């Protein structure tokens, strides 16, 4: 049976983006385990050689606070697709919203398991909370969605730089002390996270502008920018160009701190907040870029099929990648995080992602979905 063209376009644009997103996220999280290195800028550690310097600069310009934005845009886009799918099947709008909310609650549960039991760097709780916060907008007109985006984005623009200014001033440092240490034990870490995990999604939403990116994803989904990218190429080119320009300009001041520029800690915090805010544009630009690729890619090649296979199973392999980082880098496991530099940690992260691509391709060949995708679907739709 032939697949409708819209389905093909959606699979190519969205799943390619999700597959690439997982690489950015694993690269962003790997430095968090390097407890033996001196703090650098924010979560980056001090460079030991030229390769480390290149990895750190690349991370500041293209990964940090940009991967999170891309994830959030894709999440918002997925909310709208799921809502539209349910209403197309004859469900009432309120029932469709409840399904989105159930999915969001289960994302929070998955995030708790990842953070507490596995010990990984979790953002599923924060994105589950985002789903609960924005689900009511799924039934509203696009004008309401635009006003919500404008108001919430303005709020973050006013608050985030100031919060980070005071945060770095209080720390008295440009970078964070490591969250892990050589003496960490699994049971101790698990118990501490079990106590603190309710604060994780709340702090993320206060300190990082996630909601604007989720709302942007919902906005562009209403216009079908990724499901029908061939009809919106001019808009996608514009979003990519402007978004990348804003993102790169927003990253430039942060990249100068500690080398060419030594501002006060409050000023450095404000610059960090600007870096985070301009990451909203970066995440949107990355998403739009994959919309362009999806429109242009008439016959996906082998590498495209690999990325698509991974993107279809992004929940499973997000958790898998985080678990592998814990296994390889954490002091509670193989403890490479106490021995390697930032550059080597990036290579390890890429290796973890490559393995996930291979595993996802194996599942694709046997026509099996990801285990967590299967579990989530069963949990969400088991309610009558």
Protein backbone atom coordinates (compact mmCIF):
# COMPACT_ATOMS: atom_id res chain seq x y z
CA UNK A 1 0.00 0.00 0.00
CA UNK A 2 1.41 3.40 -0.94
CA UNK A 3 2.11 5.98 1.76
CA UNK A 4 0.53 9.41 1.31
CA UNK A 5 3.03 12.11 0.50
CA UNK A 6 2.16 14.12 3.63
CA UNK A 7 3.09 11.14 5.81
CA UNK A 8 6.39 10.77 3.99
CA UNK A 9 7.20 14.45 4.42
CA UNK A 10 6.33 14.37 8.08
CA UNK A 11 8.48 11.30 8.70
CA UNK A 12 11.45 12.79 6.87
CA UNK A 13 11.33 16.27 8.40
CA UNK A 14 10.37 15.40 11.96
CA UNK A 15 12.22 12.13 12.39
CA UNK A 16 15.44 13.42 10.82
CA UNK A 17 15.28 16.35 13.22
CA UNK A 18 14.65 14.11 16.22
CA UNK A 19 17.51 11.80 15.28
CA UNK A 20 19.95 14.70 14.97
CA UNK A 21 18.59 16.28 18.14
CA UNK A 22 19.67 13.24 20.15
CA UNK A 23 23.27 13.81 19.06
CA UNK A 24 23.17 17.43 20.22
CA UNK A 25 21.68 16.45 23.58
CA UNK A 26 24.23 13.73 24.33
CA UNK A 27 27.02 16.16 23.43
CA UNK A 28 25.50 18.78 25.74
CA UNK A 29 25.24 16.38 28.68
CA UNK A 30 28.61 14.63 28.48
CA UNK A 31 30.62 17.52 30.06
CA UNK A 32 28.43 17.38 33.18
CA UNK A 33 30.27 14.25 34.33
CA UNK A 34 33.82 15.65 34.07
CA UNK A 35 34.27 16.21 37.80
CA UNK A 36 38.09 16.12 37.77
CA UNK A 37 38.36 19.11 35.41
CA UNK A 38 38.34 22.75 36.47
CA UNK A 39 35.08 24.64 35.76
CA UNK A 40 35.12 26.76 32.61
CA UNK A 41 32.09 28.73 31.37
CA UNK A 42 28.72 27.54 32.68
CA UNK A 43 28.66 23.73 32.33
CA UNK A 44 31.76 23.67 30.11
CA UNK A 45 35.06 22.64 31.76
CA UNK A 46 38.47 24.20 31.22
CA UNK A 47 40.26 23.17 28.01
CA UNK A 48 43.42 21.10 28.30
CA UNK A 49 44.45 21.33 24.66
CA UNK A 50 43.50 22.81 21.29
CA UNK A 51 40.98 20.04 20.57
CA UNK A 52 39.21 20.78 23.86
CA UNK A 53 39.07 24.47 22.94
CA UNK A 54 37.47 23.67 19.58
CA UNK A 55 34.93 21.35 21.25
CA UNK A 56 34.06 24.00 23.86
CA UNK A 57 33.63 26.77 21.28
CA UNK A 58 31.54 24.54 19.02
CA UNK A 59 29.39 23.63 22.01
CA UNK A 60 28.82 27.25 23.00
CA UNK A 61 27.86 28.31 19.47
CA UNK A 62 25.85 25.31 18.29
CA UNK A 63 24.83 23.00 21.15
CA UNK A 64 24.44 24.58 24.59
CA UNK A 65 20.92 25.99 25.10
CA UNK A 66 20.22 25.23 21.42
CA UNK A 67 19.66 21.45 21.65
CA UNK A 68 17.15 22.08 24.46
CA UNK A 69 15.34 24.62 22.28
CA UNK A 70 15.16 22.23 19.35
CA UNK A 71 13.80 19.47 21.60
CA UNK A 72 11.12 21.86 22.90
CA UNK A 73 10.08 23.02 19.41
CA UNK A 74 9.70 19.41 18.27
CA UNK A 75 7.77 18.60 21.43
CA UNK A 76 5.30 21.42 20.79
CA UNK A 77 4.94 20.35 17.18
CA UNK A 78 4.21 16.82 18.35
CA UNK A 79 1.49 18.02 20.73
CA UNK A 80 -0.40 19.59 17.84
CA UNK A 81 0.03 16.54 15.59
CA UNK A 82 -1.21 14.23 18.35
CA UNK A 83 -4.18 16.50 19.07
CA UNK A 84 -5.11 16.71 15.39
CA UNK A 85 -4.75 12.96 15.00
CA UNK A 86 -7.14 12.30 17.86
CA UNK A 87 -9.78 14.77 16.66
CA UNK A 88 -9.50 13.35 13.13
CA UNK A 89 -10.44 9.96 14.60
CA UNK A 90 -13.64 11.46 15.95
CA UNK A 91 -12.61 12.24 19.52
CA UNK A 92 -13.90 15.41 21.10
CA UNK A 93 -11.40 18.20 21.68
CA UNK A 94 -11.56 17.84 25.48
CA UNK A 95 -10.84 14.13 25.22
CA UNK A 96 -7.93 14.78 22.85
CA UNK A 97 -6.49 17.31 25.31
CA UNK A 98 -6.79 14.76 28.12
CA UNK A 99 -4.74 12.31 26.04
CA UNK A 100 -1.99 14.92 25.65
CA UNK A 101 -2.11 15.51 29.39
CA UNK A 102 -1.84 11.78 30.13
CA UNK A 103 1.17 11.56 27.85
CA UNK A 104 2.70 14.49 29.70
CA UNK A 105 2.14 12.87 33.09
CA UNK A 106 3.78 9.66 31.90
CA UNK A 107 6.72 11.65 30.51
CA UNK A 108 7.15 13.00 34.03
CA UNK A 109 7.09 9.44 35.40
CA UNK A 110 9.69 8.32 32.84
CA UNK A 111 11.80 11.32 33.79
CA UNK A 112 11.63 10.39 37.47
CA UNK A 113 12.84 6.88 36.68
CA UNK A 114 15.66 8.27 34.52
CA UNK A 115 16.80 10.75 37.17
CA UNK A 116 16.35 8.60 40.28
CA UNK A 117 16.97 5.01 39.19
CA UNK A 118 19.32 5.47 36.24
CA UNK A 119 20.91 8.68 37.48
CA UNK A 120 20.88 10.39 34.09
CA UNK A 121 20.47 14.06 33.17
CA UNK A 122 16.74 14.38 32.76
CA UNK A 123 14.62 16.89 30.86
CA UNK A 124 11.57 14.63 30.42
CA UNK A 125 10.04 15.89 33.67
CA UNK A 126 10.37 19.48 32.52
CA UNK A 127 8.86 18.71 29.11
CA UNK A 128 6.05 16.72 30.69
CA UNK A 129 5.28 19.73 32.88
CA UNK A 130 5.39 21.93 29.77
CA UNK A 131 2.79 19.69 28.16
CA UNK A 132 0.48 20.14 31.13
CA UNK A 133 0.96 23.92 31.06
CA UNK A 134 0.30 24.44 27.33
CA UNK A 135 -2.26 21.69 26.61
CA UNK A 136 -5.17 24.09 27.12
CA UNK A 137 -3.95 26.17 24.16
CA UNK A 138 -4.49 23.26 21.76
CA UNK A 139 -8.19 24.11 21.50
CA UNK A 140 -7.65 27.87 21.19
CA UNK A 141 -7.32 29.98 18.07
CA UNK A 142 -3.84 30.68 16.74
CA UNK A 143 -4.21 34.33 17.78
CA UNK A 144 -4.38 33.24 21.43
CA UNK A 145 -1.31 31.05 20.91
CA UNK A 146 0.60 34.03 19.50
CA UNK A 147 -0.35 36.24 22.45
CA UNK A 148 0.69 33.52 24.90
CA UNK A 149 4.05 33.19 23.14
CA UNK A 150 4.60 36.96 23.15
CA UNK A 151 3.72 37.38 26.84
CA UNK A 152 5.72 34.39 28.10
CA UNK A 153 8.75 35.23 25.94
CA UNK A 154 8.73 38.83 27.15
CA UNK A 155 8.59 37.58 30.74
CA UNK A 156 11.64 35.35 30.21
CA UNK A 157 13.52 38.13 28.40
CA UNK A 158 13.06 40.40 31.41
CA UNK A 159 13.71 37.79 34.10
CA UNK A 160 16.27 35.23 32.84
CA UNK A 161 19.31 37.54 32.40
CA UNK A 162 18.76 39.07 35.85
CA UNK A 163 18.31 35.67 37.51
CA UNK A 164 21.50 34.36 35.95
CA UNK A 165 23.31 37.57 36.86
CA UNK A 166 22.52 37.06 40.53
CA UNK A 167 23.16 33.31 40.22
CA UNK A 168 26.74 33.71 38.95
CA UNK A 169 27.37 36.58 41.34
CA UNK A 170 26.33 34.35 44.23
CA UNK A 171 28.55 31.52 42.97
CA UNK A 172 31.48 33.88 42.42
CA UNK A 173 32.47 31.96 39.33
CA UNK A 174 31.93 31.83 35.57
CA UNK A 175 31.27 28.09 35.66
CA UNK A 176 29.42 25.54 37.76
CA UNK A 177 31.14 23.22 40.18
CA UNK A 178 30.62 19.60 39.05
CA UNK A 179 27.45 17.87 40.23
CA UNK A 180 29.33 14.59 40.71
CA UNK A 181 32.47 13.70 42.64
CA UNK A 182 34.91 10.81 42.95
CA UNK A 183 33.31 9.61 46.18
CA UNK A 184 29.79 9.25 44.80
CA UNK A 185 28.08 5.90 45.34
CA UNK A 186 25.00 4.70 43.48
CA UNK A 187 22.72 4.26 46.49
CA UNK A 188 23.70 7.63 47.96
CA UNK A 189 23.12 9.40 44.64
CA UNK A 190 19.77 7.68 44.14
CA UNK A 191 18.51 8.65 47.61
CA UNK A 192 19.56 12.29 47.17
CA UNK A 193 17.83 12.48 43.78
CA UNK A 194 14.75 10.78 45.23
CA UNK A 195 14.46 13.67 47.68
CA UNK A 196 15.25 16.47 45.22
CA UNK A 197 13.61 15.34 41.98
CA UNK A 198 10.36 17.37 42.43
CA UNK A 199 12.45 20.54 42.24
CA UNK A 200 14.18 19.60 38.97
CA UNK A 201 11.37 20.48 36.49
CA UNK A 202 10.41 23.59 38.44
CA UNK A 203 13.96 24.95 38.50
CA UNK A 204 14.41 24.18 34.81
CA UNK A 205 11.28 26.16 33.92
CA UNK A 206 12.33 29.09 36.10
CA UNK A 207 15.95 29.28 34.93
CA UNK A 208 15.61 28.20 31.28
CA UNK A 209 13.17 29.54 28.64
CA UNK A 210 11.60 26.24 27.56
CA UNK A 211 7.96 27.32 27.19
CA UNK A 212 8.60 29.83 24.36
CA UNK A 213 10.16 27.09 22.24
CA UNK A 214 7.27 24.70 22.95
CA UNK A 215 4.80 27.40 21.90
CA UNK A 216 6.83 28.11 18.75
CA UNK A 217 6.58 24.42 17.89
CA UNK A 218 2.81 24.54 18.32
CA UNK A 219 2.67 27.72 16.22
CA UNK A 220 4.59 26.32 13.25
CA UNK A 221 2.62 23.06 13.52
CA UNK A 222 -0.60 25.01 13.01
CA UNK A 223 0.90 26.24 9.72
CA UNK A 224 2.16 22.72 8.81
CA UNK A 225 5.72 23.94 8.23
CA UNK A 226 7.20 20.47 8.72
CA UNK A 227 4.32 18.26 7.64
CA UNK A 228 4.03 20.12 4.33
CA UNK A 229 7.47 21.74 4.07
CA UNK A 230 7.39 21.94 0.28
CA UNK A 231 4.61 24.54 0.59
CA UNK A 232 6.60 26.72 3.00
CA UNK A 233 10.16 26.72 1.71
CA UNK A 234 10.52 30.49 1.66
CA UNK A 235 9.36 30.72 5.29
CA UNK A 236 11.65 27.85 6.31
CA UNK A 237 14.65 29.50 4.64
CA UNK A 238 13.83 32.77 6.40
CA UNK A 239 13.47 31.10 9.81
CA UNK A 240 16.73 29.21 9.33
CA UNK A 241 18.72 32.27 8.27
CA UNK A 242 17.34 34.66 10.90
CA UNK A 243 17.34 32.05 13.64
CA UNK A 244 20.96 31.04 13.04
CA UNK A 245 22.06 34.68 12.86
CA UNK A 246 20.39 35.51 16.19
CA UNK A 247 21.72 32.32 17.76
CA UNK A 248 25.32 32.88 16.68
CA UNK A 249 25.30 36.56 17.67
CA UNK A 250 23.84 35.61 21.05
CA UNK A 251 26.60 33.05 21.61
CA UNK A 252 29.47 35.36 20.66
CA UNK A 253 29.74 37.37 23.93
CA UNK A 254 29.73 34.20 26.04
CA UNK A 255 32.51 32.68 23.93
CA UNK A 256 34.77 35.65 24.76
CA UNK A 257 34.43 35.35 28.54
CA UNK A 258 37.48 33.97 30.29
CA UNK A 259 39.80 34.50 27.32
CA UNK A 260 39.43 37.91 25.67
CA UNK A 261 36.98 39.34 28.21
CA UNK A 262 36.82 39.14 32.00
CA UNK A 263 33.59 40.84 33.11
CA UNK A 264 32.14 40.87 36.61
CA UNK A 265 30.16 37.80 37.62
CA UNK A 266 26.80 39.58 37.42
CA UNK A 267 27.58 40.77 33.88
CA UNK A 268 28.71 37.25 32.94
CA UNK A 269 25.40 35.94 34.26
CA UNK A 270 23.44 38.43 32.16
CA UNK A 271 25.45 37.34 29.10
CA UNK A 272 24.65 33.72 29.98
CA UNK A 273 20.95 34.60 30.12
CA UNK A 274 21.20 36.20 26.67
CA UNK A 275 22.88 33.03 25.42
CA UNK A 276 19.91 31.02 26.69
CA UNK A 277 17.32 33.36 25.23
CA UNK A 278 18.92 33.40 21.78
CA UNK A 279 18.94 29.61 21.95
CA UNK A 280 15.19 29.84 21.31
CA UNK A 281 16.01 31.17 17.84
CA UNK A 282 18.71 28.53 17.40
CA UNK A 283 16.36 25.66 18.21
CA UNK A 284 13.77 27.01 15.79
CA UNK A 285 16.42 27.43 13.08
CA UNK A 286 17.61 23.84 13.45
CA UNK A 287 14.03 22.60 13.20
CA UNK A 288 13.33 24.75 10.11
CA UNK A 289 16.55 23.48 8.50
CA UNK A 290 15.29 19.91 8.73
CA UNK A 291 12.02 21.06 7.22
CA UNK A 292 14.03 22.25 4.20
CA UNK A 293 15.92 18.95 4.07
CA UNK A 294 12.65 17.04 4.27
CA UNK A 295 11.22 19.02 1.36
CA UNK A 296 14.33 18.57 -0.79
CA UNK A 297 15.01 14.93 0.03
CA UNK A 298 13.06 13.05 -2.62
CA UNK A 299 14.71 9.68 -2.07
CA UNK A 300 16.27 9.30 1.41
CA UNK A 301 19.64 7.57 1.31
CA UNK A 302 21.15 5.13 3.78
CA UNK A 303 22.23 7.76 6.33
CA UNK A 304 18.84 9.46 6.13
CA UNK A 305 17.10 6.15 6.79
CA UNK A 306 19.35 5.59 9.80
CA UNK A 307 18.47 9.00 11.26
CA UNK A 308 14.78 8.49 10.54
CA UNK A 309 14.87 5.13 12.33
CA UNK A 310 16.42 6.80 15.35
CA UNK A 311 13.99 9.73 15.25
CA UNK A 312 10.99 7.37 15.30
CA UNK A 313 12.32 5.99 18.59
CA UNK A 314 13.62 9.21 20.13
CA UNK A 315 12.15 8.59 23.59
CA UNK A 316 13.75 5.16 23.91
CA UNK A 317 17.13 6.31 22.71
CA UNK A 318 17.12 9.55 24.69
CA UNK A 319 16.89 7.41 27.82
CA UNK A 320 19.39 4.90 26.38
CA UNK A 321 21.95 7.62 25.62
CA UNK A 322 21.63 9.09 29.11
CA UNK A 323 22.04 5.65 30.66
CA UNK A 324 25.17 5.04 28.57
CA UNK A 325 26.67 8.35 29.68
CA UNK A 326 26.10 7.32 33.29
CA UNK A 327 27.63 3.90 32.67
CA UNK A 328 30.72 5.25 30.92
CA UNK A 329 31.40 8.57 32.64
CA UNK A 330 29.81 8.55 36.09
CA UNK A 331 31.88 7.75 39.20
CA UNK A 332 29.18 5.26 40.23
CA UNK A 333 30.06 3.11 37.19
CA UNK A 334 33.13 3.05 34.88
CA UNK A 335 34.22 6.54 36.01
CA UNK A 336 35.77 7.78 32.76
CA UNK A 337 34.48 11.24 33.68
CA UNK A 338 37.28 11.53 36.21
CA UNK A 339 39.95 10.68 33.67
CA UNK A 340 39.14 12.24 30.30
CA UNK A 341 39.09 15.81 28.97
CA UNK A 342 36.16 17.59 27.35
CA UNK A 343 37.29 16.64 23.84
CA UNK A 344 37.50 12.93 24.64
CA UNK A 345 34.14 13.10 26.42
CA UNK A 346 32.65 14.53 23.21
CA UNK A 347 34.06 11.60 21.24
CA UNK A 348 32.56 9.19 23.77
CA UNK A 349 29.20 10.95 23.40
CA UNK A 350 29.36 10.64 19.63
CA UNK A 351 30.18 6.95 20.03
CA UNK A 352 27.13 6.49 22.28
CA UNK A 353 24.95 8.16 19.66
CA UNK A 354 26.40 6.04 16.83
CA UNK A 355 25.56 2.88 18.78
CA UNK A 356 22.01 4.15 19.28
CA UNK A 357 21.73 4.75 15.51
CA UNK A 358 22.83 1.17 14.88
CA UNK A 359 20.36 -0.23 17.43
CA UNK A 360 17.50 1.86 16.05
CA UNK A 361 18.33 0.67 12.54
CA UNK A 362 18.17 -2.92 13.79
CA UNK A 363 14.72 -2.29 15.22
CA UNK A 364 13.65 -0.65 11.96
CA UNK A 365 14.75 -3.68 9.93
CA UNK A 366 12.68 -5.97 12.12
CA UNK A 367 9.79 -3.45 12.05
CA UNK A 368 9.76 -3.01 15.83
CA UNK A 369 9.07 0.21 17.63
CA UNK A 370 11.16 1.43 20.54
CA UNK A 371 10.33 -0.27 23.87
CA UNK A 372 9.52 3.01 25.61
CA UNK A 373 7.35 4.19 22.71
CA UNK A 374 5.38 0.94 22.99
CA UNK A 375 5.09 1.27 26.77
CA UNK A 376 4.03 4.93 26.60
CA UNK A 377 1.35 4.18 24.04
CA UNK A 378 -0.04 1.31 26.11
CA UNK A 379 -0.12 3.42 29.25
CA UNK A 380 -1.76 6.42 27.57
CA UNK A 381 -4.42 4.48 25.69
CA UNK A 382 -5.19 1.93 28.39
CA UNK A 383 -7.51 4.50 30.01
CA UNK A 384 -11.12 4.19 29.03
